[in-house]
Amino acid sequence: MVKHIVLWKLKDELSTEEKNKVKKELKEGLENLKSKIPEIAEIKVNIEGMEGSTVDVLLETVFENEAALKVYAGHPDHVAVGTEKIKPFMAERICYDYEF
């Protein structure tokens, strides 16, 4: 099994209201991928970090193997979410993948 974790920090110039809207749309867009990409075994998006958090969004996904992760990474629906709902608002992205 492979876990894919991504953390995003949104741009500072976004207002709190804008950040909340972006986070909600990002969560919805990513979690909806489960029904479109069969390689996703599990997906969770957390947008309710505690006050001391230094990022705005946490994505945790699980895949059967690295090949399934690669299919997800290149899938057109995944790419569309990244292009439309993430990249325009992102200041920083941190990714960590590992086998367990």
N, C-alpha and C. Protein backbone atom coordinates (compact mmCIF):
# COMPACT_ATOMS: atom_id res chain seq x y z
N MET A 1 0.85 -1.18 0.00
CA MET A 1 0.00 0.00 0.00
C MET A 1 0.90 1.25 0.00
N VAL A 2 0.38 2.30 -0.60
CA VAL A 2 1.11 3.57 -0.69
C VAL A 2 0.22 4.68 -0.14
N LYS A 3 0.81 5.51 0.70
CA LYS A 3 0.10 6.68 1.19
C LYS A 3 0.71 7.91 0.53
N HIS A 4 -0.18 8.78 0.06
CA HIS A 4 0.19 10.03 -0.62
C HIS A 4 -0.39 11.16 0.22
N ILE A 5 0.50 11.97 0.80
CA ILE A 5 0.08 13.08 1.66
C ILE A 5 0.53 14.38 1.01
N VAL A 6 -0.39 15.32 0.91
CA VAL A 6 -0.06 16.63 0.36
C VAL A 6 -0.59 17.70 1.31
N LEU A 7 0.25 18.70 1.56
CA LEU A 7 -0.12 19.85 2.38
C LEU A 7 -0.03 21.10 1.51
N TRP A 8 -1.05 21.96 1.60
CA TRP A 8 -1.03 23.21 0.85
C TRP A 8 -1.19 24.39 1.78
N LYS A 9 -0.44 25.43 1.48
CA LYS A 9 -0.63 26.73 2.12
C LYS A 9 -1.17 27.64 1.03
N LEU A 10 -2.28 28.28 1.31
CA LEU A 10 -2.90 29.18 0.35
C LEU A 10 -2.22 30.55 0.38
N LYS A 11 -2.38 31.28 -0.70
CA LYS A 11 -1.76 32.60 -0.82
C LYS A 11 -2.22 33.53 0.29
N ASP A 12 -1.29 34.28 0.85
CA ASP A 12 -1.58 35.20 1.94
C ASP A 12 -2.54 36.31 1.54
N GLU A 13 -2.52 36.69 0.26
CA GLU A 13 -3.38 37.81 -0.16
C GLU A 13 -4.86 37.45 -0.22
N LEU A 14 -5.19 36.17 -0.07
CA LEU A 14 -6.60 35.77 -0.04
C LEU A 14 -7.20 36.15 1.31
N SER A 15 -8.41 36.68 1.27
CA SER A 15 -9.11 37.00 2.52
C SER A 15 -9.54 35.70 3.19
N THR A 16 -9.93 35.79 4.44
CA THR A 16 -10.42 34.61 5.17
C THR A 16 -11.61 34.01 4.45
N GLU A 17 -12.51 34.85 3.98
CA GLU A 17 -13.69 34.38 3.25
C GLU A 17 -13.28 33.66 1.96
N GLU A 18 -12.33 34.24 1.24
CA GLU A 18 -11.85 33.60 0.00
C GLU A 18 -11.17 32.27 0.30
N LYS A 19 -10.35 32.24 1.35
CA LYS A 19 -9.67 31.00 1.73
C LYS A 19 -10.69 29.91 2.08
N ASN A 20 -11.71 30.28 2.83
CA ASN A 20 -12.73 29.29 3.21
C ASN A 20 -13.45 28.74 2.00
N LYS A 21 -13.74 29.59 1.04
CA LYS A 21 -14.40 29.16 -0.20
C LYS A 21 -13.49 28.22 -0.99
N VAL A 22 -12.24 28.61 -1.14
CA VAL A 22 -11.27 27.79 -1.87
C VAL A 22 -11.11 26.43 -1.19
N LYS A 23 -10.97 26.42 0.12
CA LYS A 23 -10.79 25.17 0.85
C LYS A 23 -11.99 24.24 0.67
N LYS A 24 -13.17 24.79 0.76
CA LYS A 24 -14.39 23.99 0.60
C LYS A 24 -14.45 23.39 -0.81
N GLU A 25 -14.17 24.20 -1.83
CA GLU A 25 -14.22 23.72 -3.21
C GLU A 25 -13.10 22.71 -3.49
N LEU A 26 -11.94 22.93 -2.91
CA LEU A 26 -10.83 22.01 -3.07
C LEU A 26 -11.17 20.66 -2.44
N LYS A 27 -11.70 20.68 -1.24
CA LYS A 27 -12.10 19.44 -0.54
C LYS A 27 -13.13 18.68 -1.37
N GLU A 28 -14.14 19.36 -1.82
CA GLU A 28 -15.19 18.74 -2.62
C GLU A 28 -14.62 18.15 -3.92
N GLY A 29 -13.80 18.94 -4.60
CA GLY A 29 -13.22 18.48 -5.86
C GLY A 29 -12.34 17.26 -5.69
N LEU A 30 -11.50 17.25 -4.67
CA LEU A 30 -10.61 16.12 -4.44
C LEU A 30 -11.38 14.89 -3.98
N GLU A 31 -12.28 15.04 -3.02
CA GLU A 31 -13.01 13.89 -2.51
C GLU A 31 -13.93 13.28 -3.56
N ASN A 32 -14.42 14.07 -4.51
CA ASN A 32 -15.25 13.54 -5.59
C ASN A 32 -14.46 12.66 -6.55
N LEU A 33 -13.13 12.76 -6.50
CA LEU A 33 -12.31 11.93 -7.38
C LEU A 33 -12.44 10.44 -7.06
N LYS A 34 -12.82 10.12 -5.84
CA LYS A 34 -12.96 8.71 -5.42
C LYS A 34 -13.91 7.97 -6.35
N SER A 35 -14.99 8.63 -6.79
CA SER A 35 -15.96 7.97 -7.66
C SER A 35 -15.53 7.97 -9.13
N LYS A 36 -14.48 8.71 -9.46
CA LYS A 36 -14.02 8.82 -10.84
C LYS A 36 -12.73 8.07 -11.13
N ILE A 37 -11.95 7.83 -10.09
CA ILE A 37 -10.64 7.19 -10.26
C ILE A 37 -10.60 5.93 -9.39
N PRO A 38 -10.83 4.77 -9.98
CA PRO A 38 -10.92 3.54 -9.19
C PRO A 38 -9.63 3.17 -8.44
N GLU A 39 -8.51 3.72 -8.85
CA GLU A 39 -7.23 3.41 -8.18
C GLU A 39 -7.16 4.00 -6.77
N ILE A 40 -8.02 4.95 -6.44
CA ILE A 40 -8.02 5.54 -5.09
C ILE A 40 -8.68 4.57 -4.13
N ALA A 41 -7.92 4.05 -3.17
CA ALA A 41 -8.47 3.17 -2.15
C ALA A 41 -9.15 3.98 -1.05
N GLU A 42 -8.53 5.08 -0.65
CA GLU A 42 -9.07 5.98 0.38
C GLU A 42 -8.66 7.40 0.06
N ILE A 43 -9.52 8.35 0.41
CA ILE A 43 -9.15 9.76 0.26
C ILE A 43 -9.83 10.57 1.37
N LYS A 44 -9.05 11.43 1.99
CA LYS A 44 -9.57 12.33 3.03
C LYS A 44 -8.92 13.69 2.82
N VAL A 45 -9.72 14.72 2.94
CA VAL A 45 -9.21 16.09 2.86
C VAL A 45 -9.64 16.80 4.12
N ASN A 46 -8.67 17.36 4.84
CA ASN A 46 -8.97 18.10 6.07
C ASN A 46 -8.70 19.57 5.84
N ILE A 47 -9.73 20.38 6.08
CA ILE A 47 -9.60 21.83 5.92
C ILE A 47 -9.87 22.57 7.23
N GLU A 48 -9.94 21.81 8.32
CA GLU A 48 -10.25 22.40 9.63
C GLU A 48 -9.08 22.23 10.59
N GLY A 49 -7.92 22.71 10.19
CA GLY A 49 -6.75 22.60 11.05
C GLY A 49 -6.89 23.43 12.32
N MET A 50 -6.15 23.05 13.33
CA MET A 50 -6.16 23.78 14.60
C MET A 50 -5.41 25.10 14.43
N GLU A 51 -5.56 25.98 15.37
CA GLU A 51 -5.02 27.33 15.30
C GLU A 51 -3.52 27.38 15.02
N GLY A 52 -2.77 26.46 15.55
CA GLY A 52 -1.31 26.48 15.37
C GLY A 52 -0.83 25.91 14.04
N SER A 53 -1.76 25.45 13.20
CA SER A 53 -1.37 24.86 11.91
C SER A 53 -0.71 25.90 11.02
N THR A 54 0.26 25.46 10.25
CA THR A 54 0.97 26.37 9.34
C THR A 54 0.61 26.13 7.88
N VAL A 55 -0.33 25.22 7.62
CA VAL A 55 -0.86 24.98 6.28
C VAL A 55 -2.38 25.04 6.36
N ASP A 56 -3.01 25.14 5.20
CA ASP A 56 -4.46 25.31 5.14
C ASP A 56 -5.23 24.04 4.80
N VAL A 57 -4.60 23.14 4.07
CA VAL A 57 -5.29 21.95 3.58
C VAL A 57 -4.37 20.74 3.69
N LEU A 58 -4.95 19.60 4.10
CA LEU A 58 -4.24 18.33 4.19
C LEU A 58 -4.99 17.31 3.35
N LEU A 59 -4.29 16.67 2.43
CA LEU A 59 -4.85 15.57 1.63
C LEU A 59 -4.13 14.29 2.01
N GLU A 60 -4.91 13.25 2.33
CA GLU A 60 -4.36 11.93 2.57
C GLU A 60 -5.05 10.95 1.63
N THR A 61 -4.29 10.27 0.80
CA THR A 61 -4.85 9.26 -0.07
C THR A 61 -4.07 7.97 0.08
N VAL A 62 -4.76 6.86 -0.18
CA VAL A 62 -4.15 5.54 -0.10
C VAL A 62 -4.38 4.84 -1.43
N PHE A 63 -3.32 4.17 -1.90
CA PHE A 63 -3.36 3.43 -3.16
C PHE A 63 -2.81 2.04 -2.93
N GLU A 64 -3.21 1.11 -3.76
CA GLU A 64 -2.74 -0.28 -3.67
C GLU A 64 -1.23 -0.37 -3.86
N ASN A 65 -0.70 0.46 -4.78
CA ASN A 65 0.73 0.40 -5.08
C ASN A 65 1.15 1.70 -5.78
N GLU A 66 2.42 1.79 -6.09
CA GLU A 66 2.94 2.99 -6.73
C GLU A 66 2.37 3.19 -8.13
N ALA A 67 2.10 2.11 -8.83
CA ALA A 67 1.52 2.21 -10.18
C ALA A 67 0.14 2.87 -10.11
N ALA A 68 -0.65 2.54 -9.10
CA ALA A 68 -1.97 3.15 -8.93
C ALA A 68 -1.84 4.64 -8.63
N LEU A 69 -0.86 5.01 -7.83
CA LEU A 69 -0.59 6.43 -7.54
C LEU A 69 -0.25 7.18 -8.83
N LYS A 70 0.53 6.56 -9.69
CA LYS A 70 0.91 7.20 -10.95
C LYS A 70 -0.30 7.38 -11.87
N VAL A 71 -1.21 6.41 -11.88
CA VAL A 71 -2.43 6.55 -12.68
C VAL A 71 -3.23 7.75 -12.17
N TYR A 72 -3.39 7.83 -10.84
CA TYR A 72 -4.10 8.95 -10.21
C TYR A 72 -3.44 10.28 -10.58
N ALA A 73 -2.12 10.34 -10.48
CA ALA A 73 -1.40 11.59 -10.73
C ALA A 73 -1.64 12.12 -12.13
N GLY A 74 -1.75 11.23 -13.10
CA GLY A 74 -1.94 11.67 -14.48
C GLY A 74 -3.37 11.66 -14.96
N HIS A 75 -4.28 11.25 -14.12
CA HIS A 75 -5.69 11.14 -14.53
C HIS A 75 -6.24 12.54 -14.85
N PRO A 76 -6.96 12.68 -15.97
CA PRO A 76 -7.46 14.00 -16.38
C PRO A 76 -8.35 14.69 -15.34
N ASP A 77 -9.14 13.92 -14.60
CA ASP A 77 -10.00 14.54 -13.57
C ASP A 77 -9.17 15.09 -12.42
N HIS A 78 -8.10 14.37 -12.06
CA HIS A 78 -7.20 14.85 -11.01
C HIS A 78 -6.45 16.10 -11.47
N VAL A 79 -5.95 16.04 -12.69
CA VAL A 79 -5.23 17.18 -13.25
C VAL A 79 -6.13 18.42 -13.31
N ALA A 80 -7.40 18.23 -13.66
CA ALA A 80 -8.34 19.35 -13.74
C ALA A 80 -8.57 19.99 -12.37
N VAL A 81 -8.69 19.18 -11.33
CA VAL A 81 -8.87 19.74 -9.99
C VAL A 81 -7.64 20.57 -9.61
N GLY A 82 -6.47 20.04 -9.89
CA GLY A 82 -5.24 20.77 -9.59
C GLY A 82 -5.15 22.09 -10.35
N THR A 83 -5.48 22.04 -11.61
CA THR A 83 -5.37 23.23 -12.47
C THR A 83 -6.40 24.30 -12.11
N GLU A 84 -7.63 23.87 -11.79
CA GLU A 84 -8.73 24.81 -11.57
C GLU A 84 -8.91 25.23 -10.11
N LYS A 85 -8.71 24.30 -9.19
CA LYS A 85 -9.08 24.56 -7.80
C LYS A 85 -7.90 24.71 -6.84
N ILE A 86 -6.70 24.36 -7.30
CA ILE A 86 -5.55 24.41 -6.40
C ILE A 86 -4.50 25.42 -6.86
N LYS A 87 -3.92 25.22 -8.02
CA LYS A 87 -2.78 26.03 -8.46
C LYS A 87 -3.02 27.54 -8.44
N PRO A 88 -4.19 28.04 -8.83
CA PRO A 88 -4.37 29.50 -8.81
C PRO A 88 -4.31 30.13 -7.41
N PHE A 89 -4.50 29.31 -6.38
CA PHE A 89 -4.63 29.84 -5.02
C PHE A 89 -3.49 29.40 -4.10
N MET A 90 -2.59 28.57 -4.60
CA MET A 90 -1.57 27.94 -3.79
C MET A 90 -0.31 28.79 -3.67
N ALA A 91 0.17 28.91 -2.45
CA ALA A 91 1.46 29.56 -2.20
C ALA A 91 2.56 28.51 -2.05
N GLU A 92 2.20 27.37 -1.46
CA GLU A 92 3.20 26.34 -1.18
C GLU A 92 2.54 24.98 -1.18
N ARG A 93 3.29 23.97 -1.66
CA ARG A 93 2.83 22.58 -1.68
C ARG A 93 3.94 21.70 -1.14
N ILE A 94 3.56 20.80 -0.25
CA ILE A 94 4.50 19.82 0.31
C ILE A 94 3.88 18.46 0.07
N CYS A 95 4.66 17.53 -0.45
CA CYS A 95 4.16 16.20 -0.75
C CYS A 95 5.07 15.15 -0.12
N TYR A 96 4.45 14.08 0.40
CA TYR A 96 5.22 12.96 0.95
C TYR A 96 4.50 11.67 0.60
N ASP A 97 5.18 10.78 -0.09
CA ASP A 97 4.64 9.48 -0.46
C ASP A 97 5.48 8.39 0.22
N TYR A 98 4.80 7.34 0.72
CA TYR A 98 5.54 6.24 1.32
C TYR A 98 4.75 4.95 1.26
N GLU A 99 5.48 3.84 1.30
CA GLU A 99 4.85 2.52 1.34
C GLU A 99 4.64 2.11 2.78
N PHE A 100 3.56 1.41 3.00
CA PHE A 100 3.30 0.88 4.36
C PHE A 100 2.70 -0.50 4.26
